[in-house]
Amino acid sequence: IGEGVDALREEVWGKLFNNAVTLFSQKKYKKAEEQFKLCLIVHPNRIENYRALVDVYRQNGNDDLALKAVITGLNIDSQDSYLNMTKADFSIQNNDLDSARDLYLRAIEFSDDPGPIKIKLLNTYIELGENEIAIDFSNELLNQYPNNPNIYYNVGVVYSRIAKEKMDLFFKLFNEINQLEKPTEIMI
C-alpha cells in the first residue's frame, strides 16, 4: 500500500508541477504560485518546489517569501547549488559580502555548471576589495572561459581599482611633500 501511495503522490505531484511550470512560462505568475504551493502540500520534500517558488515569488516582487523559500529549501537540501546561489544574491542585496562569498563558494562546490556562479564570486571579490584574489581567480576563469567578455571586463575593473588606489596614495604623498618648506633629497 505504501508503494502505491508513493507512486500516486509522485504522479499527482508531477502533473501539478508541470502545470505550474507551464503557467510560469506563460507569465501567469499568480496562478503558477498557487500550483507550486499545491505541489508543496503533495510532496513537501521535493527540492524543486522551493527552487520554483523562489522564482515565482521574485517574479511577483515578494523577496521576503522568496528568501523564506530559500531557507526552507536549504533546510531540506543544504547542498542545493541554486538555493545557495540565490541566498548569496540576497546577501549581496543586503551588503553582506562576506556571507555572499561563502555561499557562492558553496554553490560552486555543488553545481553542475559553476561558470555563472564563478562570475558572481569574482564580482564579490572585487566588491570586497580582495584584488589579489580577484586577479588570481579571474586568470583561472579566463583559462576556463576564454570567450566570456564579462571576465575581461572584470579584470579591467580590478586593475583600474588597483591603479586608482596607487594614484590616490601617490597624490597624497605628493601633496604632503609640497606642503614642506624644504623637501629633502630623500623625499624627492
C-alpha atoms as a PDB file:
ATOM      1  CA  ILE A   1       0.000   0.000   0.000  1.00  0.00           C
ATOM      2  CA  GLY A   2       2.837   2.367   0.908  1.00  0.00           C
ATOM      3  CA  GLU A   3       4.445   1.954  -2.508  1.00  0.00           C
ATOM      4  CA  GLY A   4       1.127   2.663  -4.189  1.00  0.00           C
ATOM      5  CA  VAL A   5       0.668   5.832  -2.159  1.00  0.00           C
ATOM      6  CA  ASP A   6       4.202   6.977  -3.047  1.00  0.00           C
ATOM      7  CA  ALA A   7       3.614   6.272  -6.736  1.00  0.00           C
ATOM      8  CA  LEU A   8       0.335   8.185  -6.684  1.00  0.00           C
ATOM      9  CA  ARG A   9       1.983  11.080  -4.832  1.00  0.00           C
ATOM     10  CA  GLU A  10       4.736  11.249  -7.473  1.00  0.00           C
ATOM     11  CA  GLU A  11       2.195  11.155 -10.301  1.00  0.00           C
ATOM     12  CA  VAL A  12      -0.015  13.875  -8.815  1.00  0.00           C
ATOM     13  CA  TRP A  13       2.995  15.993  -7.917  1.00  0.00           C
ATOM     14  CA  GLY A  14       4.416  15.644 -11.449  1.00  0.00           C
ATOM     15  CA  LYS A  15       1.151  16.774 -13.052  1.00  0.00           C
ATOM     16  CA  LEU A  16       0.803  19.739 -10.691  1.00  0.00           C
ATOM     17  CA  PHE A  17       4.437  20.739 -11.104  1.00  0.00           C
ATOM     18  CA  ASN A  18       4.354  20.526 -14.900  1.00  0.00           C
ATOM     19  CA  ASN A  19       1.163  22.576 -14.957  1.00  0.00           C
ATOM     20  CA  ALA A  20       2.766  25.193 -12.690  1.00  0.00           C
ATOM     21  CA  VAL A  21       5.838  25.377 -14.924  1.00  0.00           C
ATOM     22  CA  THR A  22       3.579  25.905 -17.940  1.00  0.00           C
ATOM     23  CA  LEU A  23       1.741  28.709 -16.141  1.00  0.00           C
ATOM     24  CA  PHE A  24       5.067  30.273 -15.168  1.00  0.00           C
ATOM     25  CA  SER A  25       6.363  30.151 -18.747  1.00  0.00           C
ATOM     26  CA  GLN A  26       3.091  31.822 -19.843  1.00  0.00           C
ATOM     27  CA  LYS A  27       3.854  34.596 -17.307  1.00  0.00           C
ATOM     28  CA  LYS A  28       0.784  33.696 -15.241  1.00  0.00           C
ATOM     29  CA  TYR A  29       2.777  34.062 -12.055  1.00  0.00           C
ATOM     30  CA  LYS A  30      -0.048  34.209  -9.505  1.00  0.00           C
ATOM     31  CA  LYS A  31      -1.624  31.032 -10.853  1.00  0.00           C
ATOM     32  CA  ALA A  32       1.786  29.378 -11.017  1.00  0.00           C
ATOM     33  CA  GLU A  33       2.373  30.334  -7.381  1.00  0.00           C
ATOM     34  CA  GLU A  34      -0.886  28.651  -6.365  1.00  0.00           C
ATOM     35  CA  GLN A  35       0.087  25.478  -8.232  1.00  0.00           C
ATOM     36  CA  PHE A  36       3.570  25.382  -6.710  1.00  0.00           C
ATOM     37  CA  LYS A  37       2.014  25.737  -3.251  1.00  0.00           C
ATOM     38  CA  LEU A  38      -0.157  22.714  -4.035  1.00  0.00           C
ATOM     39  CA  CYS A  39       3.000  20.876  -5.042  1.00  0.00           C
ATOM     40  CA  LEU A  40       4.372  21.614  -1.570  1.00  0.00           C
ATOM     41  CA  ILE A  41       1.302  20.082   0.030  1.00  0.00           C
ATOM     42  CA  VAL A  42       1.534  16.942  -2.103  1.00  0.00           C
ATOM     43  CA  HIS A  43       5.292  16.469  -1.774  1.00  0.00           C
ATOM     44  CA  PRO A  44       6.942  18.864   0.710  1.00  0.00           C
ATOM     45  CA  ASN A  45      10.407  17.319   0.455  1.00  0.00           C
ATOM     46  CA  ARG A  46      10.889  17.821  -3.305  1.00  0.00           C
ATOM     47  CA  ILE A  47      13.579  20.491  -3.603  1.00  0.00           C
ATOM     48  CA  GLU A  48      12.184  21.535  -6.992  1.00  0.00           C
ATOM     49  CA  ASN A  49       9.223  23.073  -5.172  1.00  0.00           C
ATOM     50  CA  TYR A  50      11.442  25.509  -3.322  1.00  0.00           C
ATOM     51  CA  ARG A  51      13.511  26.467  -6.358  1.00  0.00           C
ATOM     52  CA  ALA A  52      10.341  27.155  -8.324  1.00  0.00           C
ATOM     53  CA  LEU A  53       8.713  29.092  -5.503  1.00  0.00           C
ATOM     54  CA  VAL A  54      11.802  31.282  -5.219  1.00  0.00           C
ATOM     55  CA  ASP A  55      11.482  32.183  -8.881  1.00  0.00           C
ATOM     56  CA  VAL A  56       7.746  32.816  -8.775  1.00  0.00           C
ATOM     57  CA  TYR A  57       7.959  34.876  -5.569  1.00  0.00           C
ATOM     58  CA  ARG A  58      10.693  37.005  -7.115  1.00  0.00           C
ATOM     59  CA  GLN A  59       8.603  37.489 -10.255  1.00  0.00           C
ATOM     60  CA  ASN A  60       5.719  38.567  -8.041  1.00  0.00           C
ATOM     61  CA  GLY A  61       8.013  41.042  -6.275  1.00  0.00           C
ATOM     62  CA  ASN A  62       7.959  39.237  -2.944  1.00  0.00           C
ATOM     63  CA  ASP A  63      11.598  38.864  -1.941  1.00  0.00           C
ATOM     64  CA  ASP A  64      10.694  38.130   1.688  1.00  0.00           C
ATOM     65  CA  LEU A  65       8.780  34.992   0.724  1.00  0.00           C
ATOM     66  CA  ALA A  66      11.497  34.086  -1.774  1.00  0.00           C
ATOM     67  CA  LEU A  67      14.135  34.235   0.959  1.00  0.00           C
ATOM     68  CA  LYS A  68      11.937  32.114   3.256  1.00  0.00           C
ATOM     69  CA  ALA A  69      11.610  29.541   0.460  1.00  0.00           C
ATOM     70  CA  VAL A  70      15.399  29.557   0.042  1.00  0.00           C
ATOM     71  CA  ILE A  71      15.962  28.971   3.744  1.00  0.00           C
ATOM     72  CA  THR A  72      13.322  26.231   3.964  1.00  0.00           C
ATOM     73  CA  GLY A  73      14.730  24.546   0.859  1.00  0.00           C
ATOM     74  CA  LEU A  74      18.265  24.664   2.244  1.00  0.00           C
ATOM     75  CA  ASN A  75      16.991  23.008   5.431  1.00  0.00           C
ATOM     76  CA  ILE A  76      15.858  20.119   3.218  1.00  0.00           C
ATOM     77  CA  ASP A  77      18.966  20.059   0.999  1.00  0.00           C
ATOM     78  CA  SER A  78      21.864  22.223   2.182  1.00  0.00           C
ATOM     79  CA  GLN A  79      23.874  21.239  -0.891  1.00  0.00           C
ATOM     80  CA  ASP A  80      21.446  22.676  -3.428  1.00  0.00           C
ATOM     81  CA  SER A  81      23.552  24.900  -5.660  1.00  0.00           C
ATOM     82  CA  TYR A  82      20.716  27.103  -6.919  1.00  0.00           C
ATOM     83  CA  LEU A  83      19.392  27.854  -3.442  1.00  0.00           C
ATOM     84  CA  ASN A  84      22.884  28.620  -2.112  1.00  0.00           C
ATOM     85  CA  MET A  85      23.498  30.943  -5.054  1.00  0.00           C
ATOM     86  CA  THR A  86      20.152  32.666  -4.544  1.00  0.00           C
ATOM     87  CA  LYS A  87      20.834  33.136  -0.844  1.00  0.00           C
ATOM     88  CA  ALA A  88      24.192  34.665  -1.830  1.00  0.00           C
ATOM     89  CA  ASP A  89      22.356  37.017  -4.196  1.00  0.00           C
ATOM     90  CA  PHE A  90      20.159  38.132  -1.300  1.00  0.00           C
ATOM     91  CA  SER A  91      23.278  38.628   0.821  1.00  0.00           C
ATOM     92  CA  ILE A  92      24.675  40.898  -1.908  1.00  0.00           C
ATOM     93  CA  GLN A  93      21.435  42.914  -1.850  1.00  0.00           C
ATOM     94  CA  ASN A  94      21.834  43.298   1.923  1.00  0.00           C
ATOM     95  CA  ASN A  95      25.513  44.290   1.583  1.00  0.00           C
ATOM     96  CA  ASP A  96      26.655  41.165   3.420  1.00  0.00           C
ATOM     97  CA  LEU A  97      29.526  40.463   1.053  1.00  0.00           C
ATOM     98  CA  ASP A  98      31.366  38.021   3.325  1.00  0.00           C
ATOM     99  CA  SER A  99      28.320  35.741   3.545  1.00  0.00           C
ATOM    100  CA  ALA A 100      27.760  36.093  -0.193  1.00  0.00           C
ATOM    101  CA  ARG A 101      31.333  34.998  -0.911  1.00  0.00           C
ATOM    102  CA  ASP A 102      30.964  31.929   1.311  1.00  0.00           C
ATOM    103  CA  LEU A 103      27.602  30.997  -0.198  1.00  0.00           C
ATOM    104  CA  TYR A 104      28.876  31.386  -3.767  1.00  0.00           C
ATOM    105  CA  LEU A 105      31.795  29.102  -2.913  1.00  0.00           C
ATOM    106  CA  ARG A 106      29.327  26.557  -1.542  1.00  0.00           C
ATOM    107  CA  ALA A 107      27.105  26.879  -4.614  1.00  0.00           C
ATOM    108  CA  ILE A 108      30.096  26.341  -6.907  1.00  0.00           C
ATOM    109  CA  GLU A 109      31.086  23.235  -4.975  1.00  0.00           C
ATOM    110  CA  PHE A 110      27.738  21.576  -5.706  1.00  0.00           C
ATOM    111  CA  SER A 111      26.991  22.984  -9.168  1.00  0.00           C
ATOM    112  CA  ASP A 112      26.999  21.091 -12.442  1.00  0.00           C
ATOM    113  CA  ASP A 113      27.533  24.413 -14.268  1.00  0.00           C
ATOM    114  CA  PRO A 114      29.585  26.666 -11.981  1.00  0.00           C
ATOM    115  CA  GLY A 115      30.572  29.245 -14.636  1.00  0.00           C
ATOM    116  CA  PRO A 116      27.852  31.854 -13.971  1.00  0.00           C
ATOM    117  CA  ILE A 117      28.278  31.457 -10.209  1.00  0.00           C
ATOM    118  CA  LYS A 118      32.046  31.905 -10.523  1.00  0.00           C
ATOM    119  CA  ILE A 119      31.492  35.227 -12.281  1.00  0.00           C
ATOM    120  CA  LYS A 120      29.270  36.338  -9.388  1.00  0.00           C
ATOM    121  CA  LEU A 121      32.015  35.253  -6.994  1.00  0.00           C
ATOM    122  CA  LEU A 122      34.577  37.262  -8.965  1.00  0.00           C
ATOM    123  CA  ASN A 123      32.353  40.345  -8.684  1.00  0.00           C
ATOM    124  CA  THR A 124      32.103  39.730  -4.953  1.00  0.00           C
ATOM    125  CA  TYR A 125      35.884  39.523  -4.583  1.00  0.00           C
ATOM    126  CA  ILE A 126      36.118  42.832  -6.438  1.00  0.00           C
ATOM    127  CA  GLU A 127      33.487  44.471  -4.215  1.00  0.00           C
ATOM    128  CA  LEU A 128      35.269  43.169  -1.115  1.00  0.00           C
ATOM    129  CA  GLY A 129      38.478  44.791  -2.351  1.00  0.00           C
ATOM    130  CA  GLU A 130      40.252  41.441  -2.408  1.00  0.00           C
ATOM    131  CA  ASN A 131      42.175  42.481  -5.506  1.00  0.00           C
ATOM    132  CA  GLU A 132      44.919  39.852  -5.464  1.00  0.00           C
ATOM    133  CA  ILE A 133      42.393  37.051  -5.026  1.00  0.00           C
ATOM    134  CA  ALA A 134      40.244  38.604  -7.769  1.00  0.00           C
ATOM    135  CA  ILE A 135      43.210  38.726 -10.158  1.00  0.00           C
ATOM    136  CA  ASP A 136      44.178  35.111  -9.490  1.00  0.00           C
ATOM    137  CA  PHE A 137      40.580  33.972  -9.755  1.00  0.00           C
ATOM    138  CA  SER A 138      39.991  35.938 -12.961  1.00  0.00           C
ATOM    139  CA  ASN A 139      43.079  34.331 -14.522  1.00  0.00           C
ATOM    140  CA  GLU A 140      41.635  30.928 -13.647  1.00  0.00           C
ATOM    141  CA  LEU A 141      38.299  31.941 -15.173  1.00  0.00           C
ATOM    142  CA  LEU A 142      39.965  33.248 -18.342  1.00  0.00           C
ATOM    143  CA  ASN A 143      41.575  29.834 -18.793  1.00  0.00           C
ATOM    144  CA  GLN A 144      38.240  28.073 -18.295  1.00  0.00           C
ATOM    145  CA  TYR A 145      36.037  30.524 -20.226  1.00  0.00           C
ATOM    146  CA  PRO A 146      38.258  32.378 -22.715  1.00  0.00           C
ATOM    147  CA  ASN A 147      35.312  33.634 -24.794  1.00  0.00           C
ATOM    148  CA  ASN A 148      33.424  35.315 -21.951  1.00  0.00           C
ATOM    149  CA  PRO A 149      33.697  39.116 -22.293  1.00  0.00           C
ATOM    150  CA  ASN A 150      32.393  39.707 -18.748  1.00  0.00           C
ATOM    151  CA  ILE A 151      35.560  38.207 -17.323  1.00  0.00           C
ATOM    152  CA  TYR A 152      37.759  40.530 -19.389  1.00  0.00           C
ATOM    153  CA  TYR A 153      35.665  43.471 -18.223  1.00  0.00           C
ATOM    154  CA  ASN A 154      36.068  42.427 -14.579  1.00  0.00           C
ATOM    155  CA  VAL A 155      39.831  42.056 -14.999  1.00  0.00           C
ATOM    156  CA  GLY A 156      39.855  45.639 -16.251  1.00  0.00           C
ATOM    157  CA  VAL A 157      37.841  46.754 -13.214  1.00  0.00           C
ATOM    158  CA  VAL A 158      40.312  45.091 -10.838  1.00  0.00           C
ATOM    159  CA  TYR A 159      43.363  46.641 -12.480  1.00  0.00           C
ATOM    160  CA  SER A 160      41.760  50.087 -12.680  1.00  0.00           C
ATOM    161  CA  ARG A 161      40.910  49.902  -8.960  1.00  0.00           C
ATOM    162  CA  ILE A 162      44.480  48.966  -8.134  1.00  0.00           C
ATOM    163  CA  ALA A 163      45.777  51.830 -10.318  1.00  0.00           C
ATOM    164  CA  LYS A 164      43.362  54.275  -8.655  1.00  0.00           C
ATOM    165  CA  GLU A 165      44.463  53.193  -5.181  1.00  0.00           C
ATOM    166  CA  LYS A 166      48.107  53.715  -6.128  1.00  0.00           C
ATOM    167  CA  MET A 167      47.379  57.081  -7.756  1.00  0.00           C
ATOM    168  CA  ASP A 168      45.489  58.235  -4.673  1.00  0.00           C
ATOM    169  CA  LEU A 169      48.430  57.246  -2.489  1.00  0.00           C
ATOM    170  CA  PHE A 170      50.955  58.992  -4.756  1.00  0.00           C
ATOM    171  CA  PHE A 171      48.782  62.103  -4.905  1.00  0.00           C
ATOM    172  CA  LYS A 172      48.564  62.207  -1.116  1.00  0.00           C
ATOM    173  CA  LEU A 173      52.344  61.824  -0.779  1.00  0.00           C
ATOM    174  CA  PHE A 174      52.905  64.484  -3.442  1.00  0.00           C
ATOM    175  CA  ASN A 175      50.698  66.943  -1.571  1.00  0.00           C
ATOM    176  CA  GLU A 176      52.461  66.196   1.716  1.00  0.00           C
ATOM    177  CA  ILE A 177      55.857  66.849   0.139  1.00  0.00           C
ATOM    178  CA  ASN A 178      54.616  70.081  -1.448  1.00  0.00           C
ATOM    179  CA  GLN A 179      53.469  71.320   1.953  1.00  0.00           C
ATOM    180  CA  LEU A 180      57.021  71.167   3.291  1.00  0.00           C
ATOM    181  CA  GLU A 181      59.149  74.303   3.038  1.00  0.00           C
ATOM    182  CA  LYS A 182      62.317  72.430   2.109  1.00  0.00           C
ATOM    183  CA  PRO A 183      61.809  68.860   0.882  1.00  0.00           C
ATOM    184  CA  THR A 184      64.884  66.769   1.453  1.00  0.00           C
ATOM    185  CA  GLU A 185      66.581  64.756  -1.249  1.00  0.00           C
ATOM    186  CA  ILE A 186      65.299  61.567   0.367  1.00  0.00           C
ATOM    187  CA  MET A 187      61.700  62.751  -0.008  1.00  0.00           C
ATOM    188  CA  ILE A 188      62.202  63.706  -3.623  1.00  0.00           C
END
